Protein backbone atom coordinates (compact mmCIF):
# COMPACT_ATOMS: atom_id res chain seq x y z
CA MET A 1 122.40 44.57 87.14
CA LYS A 2 119.31 46.48 85.43
CA ILE A 3 120.05 50.02 86.70
CA THR A 4 117.05 52.30 85.69
CA VAL A 5 116.60 56.04 85.95
CA VAL A 6 113.38 57.24 86.32
CA ALA A 7 114.10 61.24 85.51
CA VAL A 8 111.06 64.38 85.69
CA GLY A 9 111.03 65.97 82.43
CA ARG A 10 113.11 65.97 79.29
CA LEU A 11 117.06 66.96 78.34
CA LYS A 12 116.60 70.04 76.65
CA GLU A 13 120.39 71.35 75.97
CA LYS A 14 122.51 68.95 73.93
CA PHE A 15 125.54 69.07 75.80
CA TYR A 16 123.41 67.31 78.66
CA GLU A 17 122.51 64.68 76.35
CA GLN A 18 126.07 64.06 75.29
CA ALA A 19 127.35 63.63 78.42
CA VAL A 20 124.38 61.39 79.56
CA ALA A 21 125.33 59.47 76.84
CA GLU A 22 128.76 59.18 76.98
CA TYR A 23 127.96 57.94 80.75
CA ALA A 24 125.85 55.19 79.27
CA LYS A 25 128.30 54.40 76.96
CA ARG A 26 130.66 53.37 79.49
CA LEU A 27 128.08 51.81 81.89
CA SER A 28 127.58 49.64 79.41
CA ARG A 29 130.10 47.14 80.52
CA TYR A 30 128.52 46.76 84.05
CA CYS A 31 125.07 46.61 83.94
CA ARG A 32 121.74 47.19 81.64
CA LEU A 33 120.78 50.98 81.97
CA GLU A 34 117.26 52.03 81.40
CA ILE A 35 116.71 55.99 81.17
CA VAL A 36 112.83 57.01 81.69
CA GLN A 37 111.83 60.48 81.06
CA VAL A 38 108.50 61.03 82.39
CA ALA A 39 106.60 64.33 82.10
CA ASP A 40 107.17 67.22 84.02
CA GLU A 41 104.35 69.87 85.00
CA LYS A 42 104.41 73.37 84.19
CA THR A 43 104.51 75.64 87.48
CA PRO A 44 103.01 79.02 88.06
CA ASP A 45 104.85 81.93 88.79
CA GLY A 46 103.76 82.46 92.74
CA ALA A 47 101.96 78.92 93.32
CA SER A 48 100.50 78.23 96.48
CA GLU A 49 101.91 75.20 98.33
CA ALA A 50 98.76 72.98 97.89
CA VAL A 51 99.31 73.86 94.31
CA GLU A 52 102.65 72.64 94.33
CA ARG A 53 101.74 69.64 96.29
CA GLN A 54 99.05 68.39 93.26
CA ILE A 55 102.16 68.91 90.73
CA LYS A 56 104.65 66.86 92.99
CA GLU A 57 101.76 64.01 93.36
CA LYS A 58 100.82 64.26 89.42
CA GLU A 59 104.64 63.76 89.12
CA GLY A 60 104.57 61.24 91.65
CA LYS A 61 101.97 59.08 89.85
CA ARG A 62 104.30 59.39 86.56
CA ILE A 63 107.10 57.75 88.60
CA LEU A 64 105.45 55.41 90.22
CA ALA A 65 103.87 53.93 87.24
CA GLN A 66 107.48 53.35 85.64
CA ILE A 67 108.27 51.33 89.31
CA ARG A 68 108.41 47.43 88.76
CA ASP A 69 107.31 46.04 91.84
CA GLY A 70 110.52 44.01 93.28
CA ALA A 71 112.82 47.02 91.92
CA TYR A 72 115.03 48.17 95.50
CA VAL A 73 114.08 52.35 94.49
CA ILE A 74 116.87 54.96 95.27
CA ALA A 75 115.03 58.13 95.47
CA LEU A 76 117.87 61.26 94.86
CA ALA A 77 116.49 63.99 97.70
CA ILE A 78 118.18 66.58 99.57
CA GLN A 79 116.68 65.05 103.25
CA GLY A 80 118.69 61.71 101.96
CA GLU A 81 121.55 60.46 103.27
CA MET A 82 125.67 62.05 102.00
CA VAL A 83 127.69 58.87 101.14
CA THR A 84 131.29 59.08 99.62
CA SER A 85 131.96 57.72 96.23
CA GLU A 86 133.70 54.75 97.83
CA GLU A 87 130.37 53.78 100.33
CA LEU A 88 128.05 54.24 97.06
CA ALA A 89 130.17 51.11 95.61
CA ASP A 90 130.23 49.17 99.33
CA ARG A 91 126.19 49.58 99.24
CA LEU A 92 125.76 49.12 95.32
CA GLU A 93 127.95 46.19 95.51
CA LYS A 94 126.26 44.46 98.58
CA LEU A 95 122.65 45.23 97.11
CA ALA A 96 123.62 43.48 94.22
CA VAL A 97 125.69 40.67 96.26
CA GLY A 98 122.40 39.86 98.11
CA GLY A 99 120.33 39.62 94.99
CA THR A 100 119.41 42.51 94.30
CA GLY A 101 118.55 42.51 90.25
CA HIS A 102 117.30 45.72 89.85
CA MET A 103 117.53 49.53 91.07
CA VAL A 104 115.82 52.27 90.33
CA PHE A 105 117.14 55.90 91.05
CA VAL A 106 114.29 58.56 90.82
CA ILE A 107 115.10 62.10 90.06
CA GLY A 108 112.57 64.55 90.36
CA GLY A 109 111.46 67.61 88.55
CA SER A 110 112.23 71.26 90.02
CA LEU A 111 109.71 70.45 93.42
CA GLY A 112 111.41 67.29 94.41
CA LEU A 113 109.62 64.69 94.64
CA SER A 114 106.15 64.09 96.10
CA ASP A 115 105.31 61.95 99.87
CA GLU A 116 104.48 58.99 98.19
CA VAL A 117 107.66 58.16 95.92
CA LEU A 118 109.70 59.48 99.35
CA ARG A 119 107.41 56.29 101.03
CA ARG A 120 108.34 54.17 98.30
CA ALA A 121 112.07 54.67 98.42
CA ASP A 122 114.26 52.02 99.66
CA TRP A 123 116.77 54.46 100.48
CA LYS A 124 116.65 58.17 100.15
CA LEU A 125 120.33 59.64 98.80
CA SER A 126 121.71 63.19 98.61
CA PHE A 127 124.55 64.38 96.91
CA SER A 128 124.35 67.55 98.52
CA ARG A 129 121.78 69.76 100.11
CA MET A 130 122.59 72.41 97.52
CA THR A 131 119.98 72.21 94.90
CA PHE A 132 120.85 71.46 91.87
CA PRO A 133 118.90 71.15 88.31
CA HIS A 134 117.16 68.23 87.91
CA GLN A 135 118.81 67.66 84.05
CA LEU A 136 122.49 68.23 85.60
CA MET A 137 121.46 65.83 88.21
CA ARG A 138 121.07 62.88 85.29
CA VAL A 139 124.92 63.54 85.16
CA ILE A 140 126.27 63.40 87.96
CA LEU A 141 124.32 60.51 88.94
CA LEU A 142 125.15 58.07 86.00
CA GLU A 143 128.72 59.25 86.72
CA GLN A 144 128.59 58.52 90.09
CA VAL A 145 127.27 55.42 89.25
CA TYR A 146 129.97 54.47 86.44
CA ARG A 147 132.43 55.98 89.60
CA SER A 148 130.96 52.80 91.72
CA TYR A 149 132.22 50.31 89.07
CA ARG A 150 135.20 51.38 88.66
CA ILE A 151 135.89 51.31 92.92
CA GLN A 152 134.38 48.16 92.66
CA ASN A 153 136.61 46.47 89.85
CA GLY A 154 139.74 47.58 91.42
CA GLU A 155 139.91 49.66 88.19
CA PRO A 156 141.17 52.99 87.95
CA TYR A 157 139.06 56.04 88.24
CA HIS A 158 140.77 60.27 88.98
CA LYS A 159 139.98 61.10 92.27
């Protein structure tokens, strides 16, 4: 299984980089992981809805350029479906068993994802109704994907 994480913006803090590197190392036992960072757009203070939409569209085009045909796309979105860790593990396992060879998780920038990216998504997944920094979301996502593989394989993992 190949898993790609397409994320808007660069990791700026070393502790986020270290956490992502640690989970990437752990995941290497279970899948081929690729992390793709696309440039974010600067959002001016007091930006109008139209300007924010344009920013999301620019970032969205960069995201979509990284998604290959045939990939199963999971967009992280507040309005998405919330699941437990066990349900996520089950869903990812069913996709893999069903022949999905490439999953792409998409993490938007500070304004979220464009409508075009959300339409491309095969599944919209929410980790919470709260908003998290997109840099932290990479760590949370990788931890949950790692936890999913541990659950699928009946391996111990702290609760």
